[in-house]
Amino acid sequence: MIKGYFVGEKVSSTSPDAFSLYEKSRFGEKKRGKVEYASVEALYLVDNGKMDVVSGRKELDFDALLEKFKRKDKKIEVKFVVFGDLRKKGYVVKTALKFGAEFRVYDKGVKPGEDHARWVLYTVRENEQMNWHDFSAKNRVAHSTKKNLLLGIVDEEGDVTYYEVGWRKV
């Protein structure tokens, strides 16, 4: 079991299990002698019984941790659903803030740092609207980073439908 610590806005761990899981499945990022987790990674590991998170002297269950992350990220719930769906399908999913997207998604078996992500992913609820300008901007980000655009649309039941968008030369 990984013991994580919520400090500031992040969850991190120095436990041997954290480093082992990083090497095996690429959860977290190794930084300064510890493994730091993106919010969705920490939520996923807590939800799947692989991590306990402590803030101060108090252990945070999934709902308490979710509430802490919601203060900073209003889309955390939809991101968590998509992240979990892709991880369960065997993909490695990492944040993509520097790409102007929500996530980078690597093909199954690919380790970040050893090869490039295939997709940049944006998450959206099915009842949200996206105009053509927003769609075009997202597609340009994907194209400029030499990746395909992947939209993860979450319905009211929490099921995810994916749409891959790529450029075609005619």
Protein backbone atom coordinates (compact mmCIF):
# COMPACT_ATOMS: atom_id res chain seq x y z
CA MET A 1 0.00 0.00 0.00
CA ILE A 2 1.34 3.41 -0.97
CA LYS A 3 1.28 6.08 1.73
CA GLY A 4 0.72 9.46 0.09
CA TYR A 5 0.85 12.91 1.62
CA PHE A 6 -1.37 15.79 0.55
CA VAL A 7 0.70 18.96 0.90
CA GLY A 8 -0.27 22.22 -0.74
CA GLU A 9 -2.20 21.11 -3.80
CA LYS A 10 -0.33 17.86 -4.52
CA VAL A 11 -0.06 14.27 -3.38
CA SER A 12 3.38 12.70 -3.18
CA SER A 13 5.03 9.66 -1.65
CA THR A 14 8.48 8.38 -0.74
CA SER A 15 7.31 4.81 -0.12
CA PRO A 16 9.09 1.98 -1.94
CA ASP A 17 5.68 0.87 -3.29
CA ALA A 18 5.29 4.25 -5.00
CA PHE A 19 8.61 3.87 -6.83
CA SER A 20 7.79 0.26 -7.71
CA LEU A 21 4.41 1.21 -9.18
CA TYR A 22 6.02 4.07 -11.10
CA GLU A 23 8.52 1.66 -12.72
CA LYS A 24 5.83 -0.90 -13.48
CA SER A 25 2.89 1.27 -14.61
CA ARG A 26 4.13 4.87 -14.77
CA PHE A 27 1.85 6.27 -12.07
CA GLY A 28 3.24 9.62 -10.94
CA GLU A 29 6.44 11.43 -11.79
CA LYS A 30 9.76 10.95 -10.03
CA LYS A 31 10.90 14.33 -8.67
CA ARG A 32 13.41 15.22 -5.94
CA GLY A 33 13.48 11.80 -4.29
CA LYS A 34 9.74 11.23 -4.28
CA VAL A 35 6.89 10.35 -6.60
CA GLU A 36 4.44 13.20 -7.25
CA TYR A 37 0.96 12.39 -8.47
CA ALA A 38 -1.43 14.30 -10.69
CA SER A 39 -4.79 14.75 -9.00
CA VAL A 40 -6.49 12.11 -11.18
CA GLU A 41 -3.70 9.61 -10.50
CA ALA A 42 -4.03 10.05 -6.74
CA LEU A 43 -7.83 9.73 -6.94
CA TYR A 44 -7.54 6.61 -9.09
CA LEU A 45 -5.08 4.93 -6.73
CA VAL A 46 -7.18 5.77 -3.66
CA ASP A 47 -10.36 4.58 -5.41
CA ASN A 48 -8.67 1.29 -6.30
CA GLY A 49 -7.30 0.65 -2.80
CA LYS A 50 -3.64 1.11 -3.76
CA MET A 51 -2.98 4.34 -1.84
CA ASP A 52 -3.85 5.97 1.46
CA VAL A 53 -3.53 9.75 1.53
CA VAL A 54 -2.85 11.76 4.67
CA SER A 55 -3.26 15.51 5.10
CA GLY A 56 -1.69 16.66 8.35
CA ARG A 57 -2.81 13.97 10.79
CA LYS A 58 -6.02 13.13 8.99
CA GLU A 59 -6.46 10.34 6.46
CA LEU A 60 -8.45 11.45 3.43
CA ASP A 61 -10.93 9.06 1.87
CA PHE A 62 -11.82 9.33 -1.82
CA ASP A 63 -14.63 11.87 -1.29
CA ALA A 64 -12.52 14.14 0.93
CA LEU A 65 -9.64 14.06 -1.55
CA LEU A 66 -12.03 14.77 -4.43
CA GLU A 67 -13.41 17.80 -2.58
CA LYS A 68 -9.89 19.16 -2.07
CA PHE A 69 -9.10 18.79 -5.78
CA LYS A 70 -12.46 20.31 -6.82
CA ARG A 71 -11.45 23.61 -5.23
CA LYS A 72 -8.74 24.01 -7.85
CA ASP A 73 -10.18 22.07 -10.81
CA LYS A 74 -13.89 22.28 -11.64
CA LYS A 75 -13.52 19.52 -14.27
CA ILE A 76 -11.82 17.01 -11.97
CA GLU A 77 -14.80 14.63 -11.91
CA VAL A 78 -15.07 14.27 -15.69
CA LYS A 79 -11.28 14.02 -15.99
CA PHE A 80 -11.25 11.28 -13.35
CA VAL A 81 -13.87 9.22 -15.22
CA VAL A 82 -11.94 9.41 -18.50
CA PHE A 83 -8.56 8.80 -16.84
CA GLY A 84 -9.88 5.71 -15.04
CA ASP A 85 -11.53 4.33 -18.16
CA LEU A 86 -8.31 4.57 -20.18
CA ARG A 87 -6.09 3.21 -17.41
CA LYS A 88 -8.40 0.20 -17.02
CA LYS A 89 -8.00 -0.38 -20.77
CA GLY A 90 -4.20 -0.45 -20.40
CA TYR A 91 -3.22 3.02 -21.62
CA VAL A 92 -0.79 5.30 -19.82
CA VAL A 93 -2.37 8.71 -19.31
CA LYS A 94 -0.39 11.77 -18.24
CA THR A 95 -1.23 15.43 -17.82
CA ALA A 96 -0.61 17.66 -20.82
CA LEU A 97 -0.67 21.20 -19.49
CA LYS A 98 2.44 22.19 -21.41
CA PHE A 99 0.68 21.06 -24.59
CA GLY A 100 -2.42 23.10 -23.82
CA ALA A 101 -4.48 19.93 -23.36
CA GLU A 102 -5.78 17.92 -20.42
CA PHE A 103 -3.97 14.64 -21.05
CA ARG A 104 -1.39 12.87 -23.19
CA VAL A 105 -2.30 9.28 -23.97
CA TYR A 106 0.32 6.67 -24.82
CA ASP A 107 -0.32 3.48 -26.78
CA LYS A 108 -0.51 0.33 -24.69
CA GLY A 109 2.96 -0.82 -23.65
CA VAL A 110 4.61 2.56 -24.33
CA LYS A 111 6.37 4.24 -21.41
CA PRO A 112 6.49 8.04 -21.26
CA GLY A 113 10.03 9.22 -21.82
CA GLU A 114 10.83 6.23 -24.00
CA ASP A 115 8.43 7.17 -26.79
CA HIS A 116 5.92 9.91 -27.60
CA ALA A 117 2.23 10.05 -26.81
CA ARG A 118 -0.11 9.22 -29.67
CA TRP A 119 -2.94 11.53 -28.59
CA VAL A 120 -3.70 14.74 -26.78
CA LEU A 121 -7.00 14.30 -24.98
CA TYR A 122 -9.71 16.72 -23.99
CA THR A 123 -12.56 15.67 -21.74
CA VAL A 124 -16.10 16.95 -21.98
CA ARG A 125 -19.52 16.09 -20.60
CA GLU A 126 -22.07 15.14 -23.24
CA ASN A 127 -24.33 18.05 -22.30
CA GLU A 128 -21.55 20.65 -22.72
CA GLN A 129 -21.31 22.56 -25.95
CA MET A 130 -18.18 23.09 -27.96
CA ASN A 131 -18.16 25.61 -30.78
CA TRP A 132 -16.19 25.23 -33.98
CA HIS A 133 -13.60 27.74 -32.84
CA ASP A 134 -12.84 25.69 -29.69
CA PHE A 135 -12.80 22.47 -31.69
CA SER A 136 -10.43 23.96 -34.26
CA ALA A 137 -8.11 25.27 -31.53
CA LYS A 138 -7.94 21.84 -29.92
CA ASN A 139 -7.20 20.21 -33.27
CA ARG A 140 -4.42 22.74 -33.96
CA VAL A 141 -2.79 21.95 -30.61
CA ALA A 142 -2.84 18.26 -31.46
CA HIS A 143 -1.46 18.86 -34.95
CA SER A 144 1.29 21.22 -33.76
CA THR A 145 2.47 18.61 -31.22
CA LYS A 146 2.39 15.83 -33.87
CA LYS A 147 -0.38 13.98 -32.09
CA ASN A 148 -3.95 13.10 -32.89
CA LEU A 149 -6.81 14.78 -31.09
CA LEU A 150 -8.85 12.52 -28.85
CA LEU A 151 -12.12 13.71 -27.32
CA GLY A 152 -13.43 11.78 -24.33
CA ILE A 153 -17.15 12.47 -23.93
CA VAL A 154 -18.73 11.39 -20.64
CA ASP A 155 -22.47 10.72 -20.59
CA GLU A 156 -24.88 10.99 -17.64
CA GLU A 157 -24.22 7.36 -16.63
CA GLY A 158 -20.46 7.88 -16.52
CA ASP A 159 -19.75 5.97 -19.74
CA VAL A 160 -17.10 7.39 -22.05
CA THR A 161 -17.21 7.62 -25.84
CA TYR A 162 -14.02 8.55 -27.67
CA TYR A 163 -13.64 10.39 -30.94
CA GLU A 164 -10.27 10.53 -32.63
CA VAL A 165 -9.61 13.42 -34.97
CA GLY A 166 -6.69 13.46 -37.35
CA TRP A 167 -5.51 15.54 -40.27
CA ARG A 168 -5.93 14.20 -43.77
CA LYS A 169 -4.11 15.40 -46.82
CA VAL A 170 -6.22 15.27 -49.94
